[in-house]
């Protein structure tokens, strides 16, 4: 069974409006059919309206974060209804930088994932360990617990509306990358968790991405791994040529 690969760019806090539009114009007509590779750009919220208006048939736009409530007195936050009203299709949930700098917890990740599904947004649910946990040899146990907590109260019929991104914290933006074998091993463990919660059929269909210093030089070896279904990419997604190289690598999956 082929799981449609996903290449999701996470721009973080980079680019101006002109930079963002120039990128979209450069890649719009170059990305493959969406049924072959899901190509997504997760941009700062201030750019979302402009990007959605200019997205082509085969490119989708995502947000980098959202609140778990419909509305309220939460200055600076963005809600799922707001994102849907702009035509946004994806949202990154629980990125390690959100956890580290903005007090994201496993509990808030769960609430946000549920909220995203409610509003027909595809949550890209992030998990991953620190270097200390990796060196202690407890990576799989740690990540399993993150996934179990993230999927609390999500019914089986909604699981395939989500995507998981495994991002070892020690590999994000550092130039260090988990070896393809390390990444695949942990993603296999994640798939086993989903199997224990929802059964084998769902676990075999759920897309699980790798993230952490993915670039044009290492993407082929990562994508070649049987359990890796694509990538959530930071720096290498900022340049149109680099991004398209990653997308073309996913076509080989």
Protein backbone atom coordinates (compact mmCIF):
# COMPACT_ATOMS: atom_id res chain seq x y z
CA UNK A 1 0.00 0.00 0.00
CA UNK A 2 1.38 3.40 -0.99
CA UNK A 3 0.99 6.24 1.47
CA UNK A 4 1.01 9.58 -0.38
CA UNK A 5 4.22 11.33 0.72
CA UNK A 6 4.13 14.82 2.21
CA UNK A 7 6.71 17.59 1.93
CA UNK A 8 5.75 20.36 4.33
CA UNK A 9 7.87 23.48 4.50
CA UNK A 10 7.93 25.30 7.83
CA UNK A 11 9.09 28.85 7.22
CA UNK A 12 9.17 29.74 10.93
CA UNK A 13 9.83 33.51 11.34
CA UNK A 14 11.44 34.13 7.98
CA UNK A 15 10.60 36.09 4.81
CA UNK A 16 8.83 39.34 4.05
CA UNK A 17 5.59 39.50 2.11
CA UNK A 18 7.47 40.08 -1.15
CA UNK A 19 9.78 37.13 -0.42
CA UNK A 20 6.81 34.88 0.30
CA UNK A 21 4.98 35.81 -2.88
CA UNK A 22 8.12 35.40 -4.99
CA UNK A 23 8.51 31.88 -3.58
CA UNK A 24 4.92 30.91 -4.37
CA UNK A 25 5.19 32.17 -7.94
CA UNK A 26 8.42 30.22 -8.37
CA UNK A 27 7.06 26.84 -7.21
CA UNK A 28 3.35 26.95 -8.02
CA UNK A 29 3.60 25.48 -11.49
CA UNK A 30 6.51 23.18 -10.66
CA UNK A 31 5.08 21.01 -7.88
CA UNK A 32 3.65 17.63 -8.97
CA UNK A 33 0.04 16.54 -8.81
CA UNK A 34 -1.27 16.62 -5.26
CA UNK A 35 -2.25 12.94 -5.47
CA UNK A 36 1.42 12.07 -6.02
CA UNK A 37 3.00 14.32 -3.37
CA UNK A 38 1.23 16.58 -0.91
CA UNK A 39 3.21 19.81 -1.04
CA UNK A 40 2.53 22.23 1.79
CA UNK A 41 3.97 25.55 2.93
CA UNK A 42 3.40 26.45 6.58
CA UNK A 43 3.89 30.20 6.73
CA UNK A 44 3.66 32.97 9.33
CA UNK A 45 0.01 33.84 9.91
CA UNK A 46 0.46 37.36 8.56
CA UNK A 47 1.12 35.89 5.07
CA UNK A 48 -1.62 33.27 4.98
CA UNK A 49 -4.29 35.25 3.15
CA UNK A 50 -1.90 36.36 0.41
CA UNK A 51 -0.52 32.85 -0.07
CA UNK A 52 -3.89 31.09 -0.13
CA UNK A 53 -5.09 33.52 -2.79
CA UNK A 54 -2.12 32.57 -4.96
CA UNK A 55 -1.75 28.87 -4.21
CA UNK A 56 -1.99 26.65 -7.25
CA UNK A 57 -4.06 23.52 -7.59
CA UNK A 58 -1.23 21.32 -6.29
CA UNK A 59 0.16 23.48 -3.48
CA UNK A 60 -1.53 23.91 -0.10
CA UNK A 61 -0.95 26.43 2.67
CA UNK A 62 -0.66 25.70 6.38
CA UNK A 63 -0.32 27.68 9.59
CA UNK A 64 2.43 27.18 12.16
CA UNK A 65 0.22 27.28 15.25
CA UNK A 66 -3.32 27.94 16.49
CA UNK A 67 -5.31 28.16 19.70
CA UNK A 68 -7.50 25.30 20.91
CA UNK A 69 -10.56 27.53 21.51
CA UNK A 70 -12.91 29.02 18.94
CA UNK A 71 -12.51 32.57 20.24
CA UNK A 72 -11.69 34.57 23.32
CA UNK A 73 -9.55 37.25 24.93
CA UNK A 74 -6.20 35.76 23.88
CA UNK A 75 -4.16 38.60 22.47
CA UNK A 76 -1.92 37.57 19.60
CA UNK A 77 -3.50 34.14 19.09
CA UNK A 78 -5.14 32.71 15.97
CA UNK A 79 -8.12 30.34 16.03
CA UNK A 80 -9.08 27.40 13.84
CA UNK A 81 -12.19 29.22 12.53
CA UNK A 82 -9.96 32.13 11.51
CA UNK A 83 -7.67 29.80 9.59
CA UNK A 84 -10.55 28.05 7.86
CA UNK A 85 -12.08 31.40 6.89
CA UNK A 86 -8.86 32.14 4.98
CA UNK A 87 -8.84 28.76 3.23
CA UNK A 88 -5.89 27.34 5.16
CA UNK A 89 -5.72 23.53 5.00
CA UNK A 90 -2.95 22.45 7.41
CA UNK A 91 -1.57 23.50 10.78
CA UNK A 92 1.60 22.50 12.64
CA UNK A 93 0.80 21.41 16.19
CA UNK A 94 3.30 21.11 19.04
CA UNK A 95 6.53 21.94 17.25
CA UNK A 96 9.45 21.64 19.65
CA UNK A 97 10.12 25.37 19.40
CA UNK A 98 6.55 26.06 20.52
CA UNK A 99 7.03 23.61 23.38
CA UNK A 100 10.38 25.11 24.41
CA UNK A 101 9.64 28.84 24.05
CA UNK A 102 5.86 29.15 24.47
CA UNK A 103 4.99 26.54 27.08
CA UNK A 104 3.25 24.08 24.75
CA UNK A 105 2.42 20.91 26.63
CA UNK A 106 1.28 17.45 25.63
CA UNK A 107 -2.16 18.43 26.89
CA UNK A 108 -2.40 21.58 24.76
CA UNK A 109 -1.10 19.65 21.74
CA UNK A 110 -3.96 17.20 22.21
CA UNK A 111 -6.57 19.96 22.51
CA UNK A 112 -5.22 21.70 19.42
CA UNK A 113 -5.22 18.48 17.39
CA UNK A 114 -8.85 17.85 18.31
CA UNK A 115 -9.76 21.44 17.43
CA UNK A 116 -7.98 21.24 14.07
CA UNK A 117 -9.90 18.10 13.12
CA UNK A 118 -13.17 19.74 14.20
CA UNK A 119 -12.58 22.53 11.68
CA UNK A 120 -11.32 20.31 8.85
CA UNK A 121 -7.71 21.38 9.22
CA UNK A 122 -5.04 18.70 8.86
CA UNK A 123 -2.90 18.84 12.01
CA UNK A 124 0.78 17.98 11.60
CA UNK A 125 1.37 16.70 15.12
CA UNK A 126 5.02 17.02 16.16
CA UNK A 127 6.94 14.84 18.58
CA UNK A 128 10.61 14.33 19.34
CA UNK A 129 13.27 13.93 21.99
CA UNK A 130 16.14 15.98 23.36
CA UNK A 131 19.78 14.97 23.00
CA UNK A 132 19.82 13.89 26.65
CA UNK A 133 16.95 11.48 26.06
CA UNK A 134 18.59 10.14 22.90
CA UNK A 135 21.88 9.54 24.71
CA UNK A 136 20.06 7.86 27.61
CA UNK A 137 18.60 5.36 25.16
CA UNK A 138 14.97 6.16 26.03
CA UNK A 139 13.93 7.89 22.79
CA UNK A 140 11.23 5.44 21.78
CA UNK A 141 9.62 5.35 25.22
CA UNK A 142 9.58 9.16 25.42
CA UNK A 143 8.13 9.66 21.94
CA UNK A 144 5.53 6.91 22.47
CA UNK A 145 4.20 8.80 25.49
CA UNK A 146 4.03 12.04 23.50
CA UNK A 147 1.98 10.30 20.81
CA UNK A 148 -0.36 8.58 23.29
CA UNK A 149 -1.10 11.92 24.96
CA UNK A 150 -1.49 13.75 21.63
CA UNK A 151 -4.15 11.29 20.46
CA UNK A 152 -6.25 11.12 23.61
CA UNK A 153 -9.98 11.40 22.79
CA UNK A 154 -9.34 11.29 19.05
CA UNK A 155 -11.62 8.57 17.63
CA UNK A 156 -10.38 6.03 15.11
CA UNK A 157 -12.36 7.60 12.28
CA UNK A 158 -10.39 10.85 12.68
CA UNK A 159 -6.84 9.51 12.95
CA UNK A 160 -6.19 9.48 9.20
CA UNK A 161 -7.16 13.15 9.10
CA UNK A 162 -3.88 13.81 10.92
CA UNK A 163 -0.17 13.58 10.11
CA UNK A 164 2.63 12.93 12.60
CA UNK A 165 6.04 14.56 12.30
CA UNK A 166 8.92 13.01 14.23
CA UNK A 167 11.50 15.74 14.85
CA UNK A 168 14.38 14.97 17.20
CA UNK A 169 15.04 18.28 18.94
CA UNK A 170 18.80 17.85 18.71
CA UNK A 171 18.57 17.77 14.91
CA UNK A 172 16.40 20.84 14.34
CA UNK A 173 18.37 23.68 12.80
CA UNK A 174 21.67 22.24 14.01
CA UNK A 175 22.87 20.61 10.81
CA UNK A 176 22.84 17.29 12.66
CA UNK A 177 20.45 14.71 11.30
CA UNK A 178 19.30 11.41 12.68
CA UNK A 179 20.60 8.67 10.43
CA UNK A 180 17.95 7.23 8.13
CA UNK A 181 18.02 4.07 10.23
CA UNK A 182 17.58 6.00 13.50
CA UNK A 183 14.70 8.02 12.09
CA UNK A 184 13.00 4.96 10.64
CA UNK A 185 13.38 3.00 13.88
CA UNK A 186 11.62 5.68 15.92
CA UNK A 187 8.94 6.17 13.29
CA UNK A 188 8.35 2.41 13.39
CA UNK A 189 7.89 2.73 17.14
CA UNK A 190 5.37 5.53 16.58
CA UNK A 191 3.51 3.37 14.10
CA UNK A 192 3.40 0.59 16.72
CA UNK A 193 1.80 3.02 19.18
CA UNK A 194 -0.87 3.92 16.66
CA UNK A 195 -1.39 0.21 16.01
CA UNK A 196 -1.90 -0.45 19.71
CA UNK A 197 -4.41 2.39 19.93
CA UNK A 198 -6.30 2.01 16.66
CA UNK A 199 -5.31 -1.23 14.96
CA UNK A 200 -2.95 -2.26 12.18
CA UNK A 201 -4.98 -0.95 9.23
CA UNK A 202 -4.96 2.62 10.51
CA UNK A 203 -1.31 2.44 11.59
CA UNK A 204 -0.29 1.32 8.10
CA UNK A 205 -2.20 4.17 6.46
CA UNK A 206 -1.17 7.05 8.73
CA UNK A 207 1.54 9.29 7.26
CA UNK A 208 4.54 9.90 9.54
CA UNK A 209 7.16 12.44 8.49
CA UNK A 210 10.73 13.05 9.57
CA UNK A 211 12.01 16.52 10.38
CA UNK A 212 15.39 17.79 11.53
CA UNK A 213 17.93 19.38 9.17
CA UNK A 214 16.44 17.69 6.11
CA UNK A 215 18.08 19.07 2.97
CA UNK A 216 18.64 18.17 -0.71
CA UNK A 217 21.76 16.16 0.18
CA UNK A 218 20.13 13.77 2.66
CA UNK A 219 16.49 13.69 1.58
CA UNK A 220 16.86 10.72 -0.77
CA UNK A 221 18.28 8.43 1.92
CA UNK A 222 15.60 9.48 4.40
CA UNK A 223 12.69 9.13 1.97
CA UNK A 224 13.95 5.69 0.96
CA UNK A 225 13.20 4.34 4.43
CA UNK A 226 10.02 2.23 4.43
CA UNK A 227 8.26 3.99 7.33
CA UNK A 228 9.20 7.59 6.48
CA UNK A 229 6.45 9.22 4.44
CA UNK A 230 8.01 12.59 3.76
CA UNK A 231 9.48 15.50 5.67
CA UNK A 232 8.66 18.57 7.70
CA UNK A 233 11.41 20.92 6.58
CA UNK A 234 12.69 24.19 7.99
CA UNK A 235 15.64 25.99 6.41
CA UNK A 236 15.71 23.95 3.21
CA UNK A 237 12.12 25.00 2.47
CA UNK A 238 12.99 28.69 2.25
CA UNK A 239 14.60 28.48 -1.18
CA UNK A 240 12.36 27.50 -4.13
CA UNK A 241 15.01 25.37 -5.84
CA UNK A 242 15.83 23.53 -2.63
CA UNK A 243 12.17 22.96 -1.83
CA UNK A 244 11.44 21.57 -5.28
CA UNK A 245 14.40 19.21 -4.96
CA UNK A 246 12.83 17.79 -1.81
CA UNK A 247 9.46 17.45 -3.53
CA UNK A 248 11.00 15.63 -6.50
CA UNK A 249 12.74 13.25 -4.11
CA UNK A 250 9.34 12.37 -2.62
CA UNK A 251 8.07 11.45 -6.09
CA UNK A 252 10.37 8.42 -5.94
CA UNK A 253 8.55 7.07 -2.89
